[in-house]
Amino acid sequence: MCLDGAHLRVLEMFFGTDTMHFDVTSSQFPGQPRSFDSFSAALEEITDARVWAGLHFRTADVQGQHLGINVAEYTADHYFQPVGRG
């Protein structure tokens, strides 16, 4: 969940919005794309899928989401600096 939270937070920061329609295809279920209207909706579905599959407890997934989001924000604030003449 940490990586999922970080990836989706980076996409949100890049596009400047959480609201973004996109489709995801799976190698496990070809021809059955999943559609989302926001990055946070995708993250919620990832969490639900892991809980329903019995892989994790919801608390662990939620904590992983927060950790991933914090890592993405820390990295953006401390490592991604403008380059060139300002």
C-alpha atoms as a PDB file:
ATOM      1  CA  MET A   1       0.000   0.000   0.000  1.00  0.00           C
ATOM      2  CA  CYS A   2       2.910   2.297   0.652  1.00  0.00           C
ATOM      3  CA  LEU A   3       3.989   2.204  -2.996  1.00  0.00           C
ATOM      4  CA  ASP A   4       0.417   2.509  -4.266  1.00  0.00           C
ATOM      5  CA  GLY A   5      -0.174   5.561  -2.086  1.00  0.00           C
ATOM      6  CA  ALA A   6       3.107   7.118  -3.192  1.00  0.00           C
ATOM      7  CA  HIS A   7       2.517   6.437  -6.895  1.00  0.00           C
ATOM      8  CA  LEU A   8      -0.983   7.837  -6.890  1.00  0.00           C
ATOM      9  CA  ARG A   9       0.025  10.900  -4.823  1.00  0.00           C
ATOM     10  CA  VAL A  10       2.845  11.637  -7.297  1.00  0.00           C
ATOM     11  CA  LEU A  11       0.356  11.457 -10.178  1.00  0.00           C
ATOM     12  CA  GLU A  12      -1.987  13.785  -8.300  1.00  0.00           C
ATOM     13  CA  MET A  13       0.842  16.271  -7.720  1.00  0.00           C
ATOM     14  CA  PHE A  14       1.977  16.041 -11.359  1.00  0.00           C
ATOM     15  CA  PHE A  15      -1.491  16.694 -12.790  1.00  0.00           C
ATOM     16  CA  GLY A  16      -2.431  19.166 -10.045  1.00  0.00           C
ATOM     17  CA  THR A  17      -5.718  17.439  -9.283  1.00  0.00           C
ATOM     18  CA  ASP A  18      -7.111  14.240  -7.828  1.00  0.00           C
ATOM     19  CA  THR A  19      -9.931  14.295 -10.374  1.00  0.00           C
ATOM     20  CA  MET A  20      -8.679  12.465 -13.429  1.00  0.00           C
ATOM     21  CA  HIS A  21     -10.527   9.860 -15.487  1.00  0.00           C
ATOM     22  CA  PHE A  22      -8.374   6.886 -16.430  1.00  0.00           C
ATOM     23  CA  ASP A  23      -8.629   3.197 -17.215  1.00  0.00           C
ATOM     24  CA  VAL A  24      -6.399   0.403 -15.977  1.00  0.00           C
ATOM     25  CA  THR A  25      -6.042  -2.960 -17.648  1.00  0.00           C
ATOM     26  CA  SER A  26      -4.908  -6.110 -15.886  1.00  0.00           C
ATOM     27  CA  SER A  27      -2.847  -8.996 -17.203  1.00  0.00           C
ATOM     28  CA  GLN A  28      -4.948 -11.229 -14.931  1.00  0.00           C
ATOM     29  CA  PHE A  29      -8.253 -10.115 -16.482  1.00  0.00           C
ATOM     30  CA  PRO A  30      -7.576  -9.097 -20.102  1.00  0.00           C
ATOM     31  CA  GLY A  31     -10.395  -7.245 -21.805  1.00  0.00           C
ATOM     32  CA  GLN A  32     -11.878  -6.100 -18.487  1.00  0.00           C
ATOM     33  CA  PRO A  33     -10.534  -2.605 -17.852  1.00  0.00           C
ATOM     34  CA  ARG A  34     -11.285  -0.816 -14.597  1.00  0.00           C
ATOM     35  CA  SER A  35     -12.304   2.843 -14.911  1.00  0.00           C
ATOM     36  CA  PHE A  36     -11.696   5.480 -12.278  1.00  0.00           C
ATOM     37  CA  ASP A  37     -12.632   9.148 -11.984  1.00  0.00           C
ATOM     38  CA  SER A  38      -9.903   9.996  -9.466  1.00  0.00           C
ATOM     39  CA  PHE A  39      -6.592   8.738  -8.138  1.00  0.00           C
ATOM     40  CA  SER A  40      -8.100   8.445  -4.660  1.00  0.00           C
ATOM     41  CA  ALA A  41     -10.886   6.194  -6.017  1.00  0.00           C
ATOM     42  CA  ALA A  42      -8.243   3.844  -7.422  1.00  0.00           C
ATOM     43  CA  LEU A  43      -6.432   3.799  -4.090  1.00  0.00           C
ATOM     44  CA  GLU A  44      -9.682   2.987  -2.270  1.00  0.00           C
ATOM     45  CA  GLU A  45     -10.332   0.074  -4.624  1.00  0.00           C
ATOM     46  CA  ILE A  46      -6.792  -1.252  -4.175  1.00  0.00           C
ATOM     47  CA  THR A  47      -7.319  -1.174  -0.409  1.00  0.00           C
ATOM     48  CA  ASP A  48     -10.691  -2.900  -0.627  1.00  0.00           C
ATOM     49  CA  ALA A  49      -9.333  -5.584  -2.957  1.00  0.00           C
ATOM     50  CA  ARG A  50      -6.494  -6.448  -0.584  1.00  0.00           C
ATOM     51  CA  VAL A  51      -8.836  -6.619   2.398  1.00  0.00           C
ATOM     52  CA  TRP A  52     -11.430  -8.704   0.519  1.00  0.00           C
ATOM     53  CA  ALA A  53      -8.720 -11.073  -0.722  1.00  0.00           C
ATOM     54  CA  GLY A  54      -7.605 -11.601   2.860  1.00  0.00           C
ATOM     55  CA  LEU A  55      -4.098 -10.287   2.209  1.00  0.00           C
ATOM     56  CA  HIS A  56      -4.180  -7.477   4.785  1.00  0.00           C
ATOM     57  CA  PHE A  57      -6.207  -5.930   7.535  1.00  0.00           C
ATOM     58  CA  ARG A  58      -7.738  -2.574   6.609  1.00  0.00           C
ATOM     59  CA  THR A  59      -5.769  -0.765   9.324  1.00  0.00           C
ATOM     60  CA  ALA A  60      -2.470  -1.882   7.806  1.00  0.00           C
ATOM     61  CA  ASP A  61      -3.552  -0.779   4.330  1.00  0.00           C
ATOM     62  CA  VAL A  62      -4.706   2.637   5.537  1.00  0.00           C
ATOM     63  CA  GLN A  63      -1.445   3.144   7.422  1.00  0.00           C
ATOM     64  CA  GLY A  64       0.468   2.096   4.294  1.00  0.00           C
ATOM     65  CA  GLN A  65      -1.481   4.631   2.217  1.00  0.00           C
ATOM     66  CA  HIS A  66      -0.590   7.429   4.618  1.00  0.00           C
ATOM     67  CA  LEU A  67       3.047   6.383   4.697  1.00  0.00           C
ATOM     68  CA  GLY A  68       3.247   6.325   0.899  1.00  0.00           C
ATOM     69  CA  ILE A  69       1.583   9.729   0.583  1.00  0.00           C
ATOM     70  CA  ASN A  70       3.962  11.172   3.184  1.00  0.00           C
ATOM     71  CA  VAL A  71       6.984   9.731   1.365  1.00  0.00           C
ATOM     72  CA  ALA A  72       5.815  11.225  -1.947  1.00  0.00           C
ATOM     73  CA  GLU A  73       5.247  14.650  -0.379  1.00  0.00           C
ATOM     74  CA  TYR A  74       8.567  14.606   1.509  1.00  0.00           C
ATOM     75  CA  THR A  75      10.414  13.630  -1.653  1.00  0.00           C
ATOM     76  CA  ALA A  76       8.722  16.365  -3.663  1.00  0.00           C
ATOM     77  CA  ASP A  77       9.531  18.967  -1.001  1.00  0.00           C
ATOM     78  CA  HIS A  78      13.150  17.958  -0.392  1.00  0.00           C
ATOM     79  CA  TYR A  79      14.544  16.362  -3.541  1.00  0.00           C
ATOM     80  CA  PHE A  80      12.651  17.657  -6.565  1.00  0.00           C
ATOM     81  CA  GLN A  81      14.042  21.156  -6.872  1.00  0.00           C
ATOM     82  CA  PRO A  82      13.785  23.526  -9.840  1.00  0.00           C
ATOM     83  CA  VAL A  83      16.739  23.561 -12.183  1.00  0.00           C
ATOM     84  CA  GLY A  84      18.016  26.377 -14.350  1.00  0.00           C
ATOM     85  CA  ARG A  85      18.179  30.066 -13.780  1.00  0.00           C
ATOM     86  CA  GLY A  86      15.407  31.559 -11.781  1.00  0.00           C
END
